[in-house]
Amino acid sequence: MEPGSSYGLPDRYGQMRSSAAEREHVIDLLKTAFADGRLTMQEYEDRIALALSPLTYAELAALTSDLPAGLPGPLRPAAPGYLSRPASRPLNRMAVASLVSAAIPGVPLLPVLLGLIAHGQIQERGERGAGLATAGIMMGALFGLMFIVLVLHS
């Protein structure tokens, strides 16, 4: 290590006090290291006690200098040619409400209205549920026609 620097940090930066948020981040790293078996219970408790007191950046860096940087990722990289599954888009609740309301007798236009609103939201937000909204519209329209026929026929 060069004179005038602490743990690879420039001299002035290493002597600055760390913030509570930075200490909390180090505590999270220590928790993860303990859970992974990288620290014994005594090492973990000693380092947590130090991290809870006001520290400079250099002292804070010393608490995690022998640990891997950041939180752990996957142990094995993905096999070549295989892509990880993308995060699932949220399901539009209005589409679900459209389909559920189609099963309620006596309110045939409600699923149509909810389904049309859901389609607009799905296009705007990029959510899932277009099929549910369409099914709600179709069922609502069908039950609405049946309701009209029954009322007119009576």
Protein backbone atom coordinates (compact mmCIF):
# COMPACT_ATOMS: atom_id res chain seq x y z
CA MET A 1 0.00 0.00 0.00
CA GLU A 2 1.31 3.45 -0.84
CA PRO A 3 2.02 5.95 1.89
CA GLY A 4 -0.71 8.56 2.11
CA SER A 5 -3.50 6.20 1.04
CA SER A 6 -5.74 3.91 3.04
CA TYR A 7 -7.04 0.74 1.42
CA GLY A 8 -6.58 2.14 -2.06
CA LEU A 9 -8.56 5.29 -1.31
CA PRO A 10 -7.07 8.74 -1.89
CA ASP A 11 -5.76 10.21 1.36
CA ARG A 12 -8.36 12.95 1.82
CA TYR A 13 -11.28 10.79 0.71
CA GLY A 14 -10.29 7.97 3.06
CA GLN A 15 -10.32 10.34 6.03
CA MET A 16 -13.85 11.65 5.35
CA ARG A 17 -16.65 10.45 7.63
CA SER A 18 -19.04 7.94 6.08
CA SER A 19 -22.80 8.43 6.11
CA ALA A 20 -25.36 6.26 7.89
CA ALA A 21 -26.55 4.94 4.51
CA GLU A 22 -23.02 3.87 3.59
CA ARG A 23 -22.63 2.10 6.94
CA GLU A 24 -25.96 0.33 6.35
CA HIS A 25 -24.72 -0.84 2.94
CA VAL A 26 -21.60 -2.30 4.55
CA ILE A 27 -23.77 -4.01 7.18
CA ASP A 28 -25.82 -5.59 4.36
CA LEU A 29 -22.60 -6.85 2.77
CA LEU A 30 -21.49 -8.28 6.12
CA LYS A 31 -24.86 -10.02 6.61
CA THR A 32 -24.56 -11.60 3.19
CA ALA A 33 -20.97 -12.68 3.85
CA PHE A 34 -22.01 -14.25 7.17
CA ALA A 35 -24.97 -16.05 5.54
CA ASP A 36 -22.62 -17.36 2.82
CA GLY A 37 -20.23 -18.70 5.48
CA ARG A 38 -17.44 -16.24 4.66
CA LEU A 39 -17.37 -14.88 8.23
CA THR A 40 -17.52 -16.64 11.59
CA MET A 41 -20.06 -15.49 14.14
CA GLN A 42 -17.35 -13.66 16.12
CA GLU A 43 -15.97 -11.89 13.00
CA TYR A 44 -19.50 -10.92 11.99
CA GLU A 45 -20.38 -9.52 15.42
CA ASP A 46 -17.07 -7.62 15.70
CA ARG A 47 -17.42 -6.05 12.25
CA ILE A 48 -21.09 -5.14 12.78
CA ALA A 49 -20.17 -3.41 16.06
CA LEU A 50 -17.50 -1.39 14.24
CA ALA A 51 -19.84 -0.57 11.33
CA LEU A 52 -22.42 0.88 13.70
CA SER A 53 -20.00 3.50 14.99
CA PRO A 54 -19.05 6.62 13.00
CA LEU A 55 -16.24 5.61 10.64
CA THR A 56 -14.16 7.17 7.94
CA TYR A 57 -14.31 5.74 4.43
CA ALA A 58 -10.94 4.04 4.97
CA GLU A 59 -12.11 2.34 8.18
CA LEU A 60 -15.37 1.32 6.52
CA ALA A 61 -13.50 -0.11 3.52
CA ALA A 62 -11.30 -2.15 5.88
CA LEU A 63 -14.37 -3.99 7.20
CA THR A 64 -15.10 -5.52 3.78
CA SER A 65 -11.68 -5.45 2.09
CA ASP A 66 -11.28 -9.25 2.36
CA LEU A 67 -14.80 -9.97 1.04
CA PRO A 68 -16.08 -10.12 -2.55
CA ALA A 69 -17.41 -6.77 -3.76
CA GLY A 70 -21.17 -6.40 -3.92
CA LEU A 71 -23.90 -8.89 -3.29
CA PRO A 72 -23.49 -12.40 -4.70
CA GLY A 73 -24.82 -13.28 -8.12
CA PRO A 74 -25.44 -16.67 -9.67
CA LEU A 75 -22.73 -19.24 -8.93
CA ARG A 76 -22.58 -20.49 -12.51
CA PRO A 77 -22.90 -18.35 -15.61
CA ALA A 78 -25.74 -19.17 -17.98
CA ALA A 79 -24.92 -21.79 -20.57
CA PRO A 80 -24.00 -20.32 -23.96
CA GLY A 81 -26.97 -20.03 -26.27
CA TYR A 82 -29.50 -19.90 -23.44
CA LEU A 83 -31.05 -16.63 -22.40
CA SER A 84 -32.34 -16.00 -18.94
CA ARG A 85 -36.09 -15.72 -18.61
CA PRO A 86 -37.23 -12.09 -18.84
CA ALA A 87 -39.03 -10.56 -15.90
CA SER A 88 -42.77 -11.12 -16.07
CA ARG A 89 -44.91 -8.13 -16.94
CA PRO A 90 -47.69 -7.33 -14.49
CA LEU A 91 -51.22 -8.55 -15.18
CA ASN A 92 -53.76 -5.81 -15.79
CA ARG A 93 -56.35 -5.92 -13.01
CA MET A 94 -59.02 -4.27 -15.10
CA ALA A 95 -58.81 -7.19 -17.56
CA VAL A 96 -59.36 -9.65 -14.72
CA ALA A 97 -62.29 -7.55 -13.46
CA SER A 98 -63.78 -7.59 -16.96
CA LEU A 99 -63.71 -11.38 -17.14
CA VAL A 100 -65.00 -11.82 -13.58
CA SER A 101 -67.83 -9.31 -14.07
CA ALA A 102 -68.92 -11.18 -17.21
CA ALA A 103 -70.00 -14.04 -14.95
CA ILE A 104 -72.29 -11.75 -12.91
CA PRO A 105 -75.83 -11.92 -14.26
CA GLY A 106 -77.75 -8.70 -14.70
CA VAL A 107 -74.82 -6.40 -15.57
CA PRO A 108 -73.99 -7.33 -19.16
CA LEU A 109 -72.42 -4.01 -20.21
CA LEU A 110 -70.01 -3.73 -17.28
CA PRO A 111 -67.56 -6.38 -18.63
CA VAL A 112 -67.59 -4.69 -22.04
CA LEU A 113 -66.76 -1.32 -20.50
CA LEU A 114 -64.07 -2.78 -18.21
CA GLY A 115 -62.58 -4.78 -21.09
CA LEU A 116 -62.30 -1.70 -23.32
CA ILE A 117 -60.64 0.28 -20.52
CA ALA A 118 -58.29 -2.66 -19.88
CA HIS A 119 -57.22 -2.81 -23.54
CA GLY A 120 -56.29 0.87 -23.43
CA GLN A 121 -54.29 0.41 -20.22
CA ILE A 122 -52.53 -2.69 -21.56
CA GLN A 123 -51.38 -0.84 -24.68
CA GLU A 124 -50.28 2.17 -22.62
CA ARG A 125 -48.48 0.28 -19.85
CA GLY A 126 -47.30 -2.85 -21.66
CA GLU A 127 -49.07 -5.18 -19.24
CA ARG A 128 -50.40 -8.70 -19.80
CA GLY A 129 -54.10 -9.59 -19.95
CA ALA A 130 -55.30 -8.65 -23.44
CA GLY A 131 -56.87 -12.10 -23.85
CA LEU A 132 -58.73 -11.79 -20.57
CA ALA A 133 -60.02 -8.36 -21.55
CA THR A 134 -61.16 -9.66 -24.96
CA ALA A 135 -62.88 -12.64 -23.33
CA GLY A 136 -64.65 -10.29 -20.93
CA ILE A 137 -65.81 -8.09 -23.81
CA MET A 138 -67.04 -11.08 -25.83
CA MET A 139 -68.85 -12.69 -22.90
CA GLY A 140 -70.36 -9.37 -21.84
CA ALA A 141 -71.57 -8.68 -25.37
CA LEU A 142 -72.99 -12.19 -25.71
CA PHE A 143 -74.78 -12.03 -22.36
CA GLY A 144 -75.96 -8.50 -23.21
CA LEU A 145 -77.50 -9.72 -26.46
CA MET A 146 -79.10 -12.66 -24.67
CA PHE A 147 -80.49 -10.28 -22.04
CA ILE A 148 -81.93 -7.97 -24.72
CA VAL A 149 -83.49 -10.90 -26.59
CA LEU A 150 -85.05 -12.23 -23.40
CA VAL A 151 -86.43 -8.81 -22.44
CA LEU A 152 -87.84 -8.17 -25.91
CA HIS A 153 -89.23 -11.69 -26.22
CA SER A 154 -91.14 -11.50 -22.93
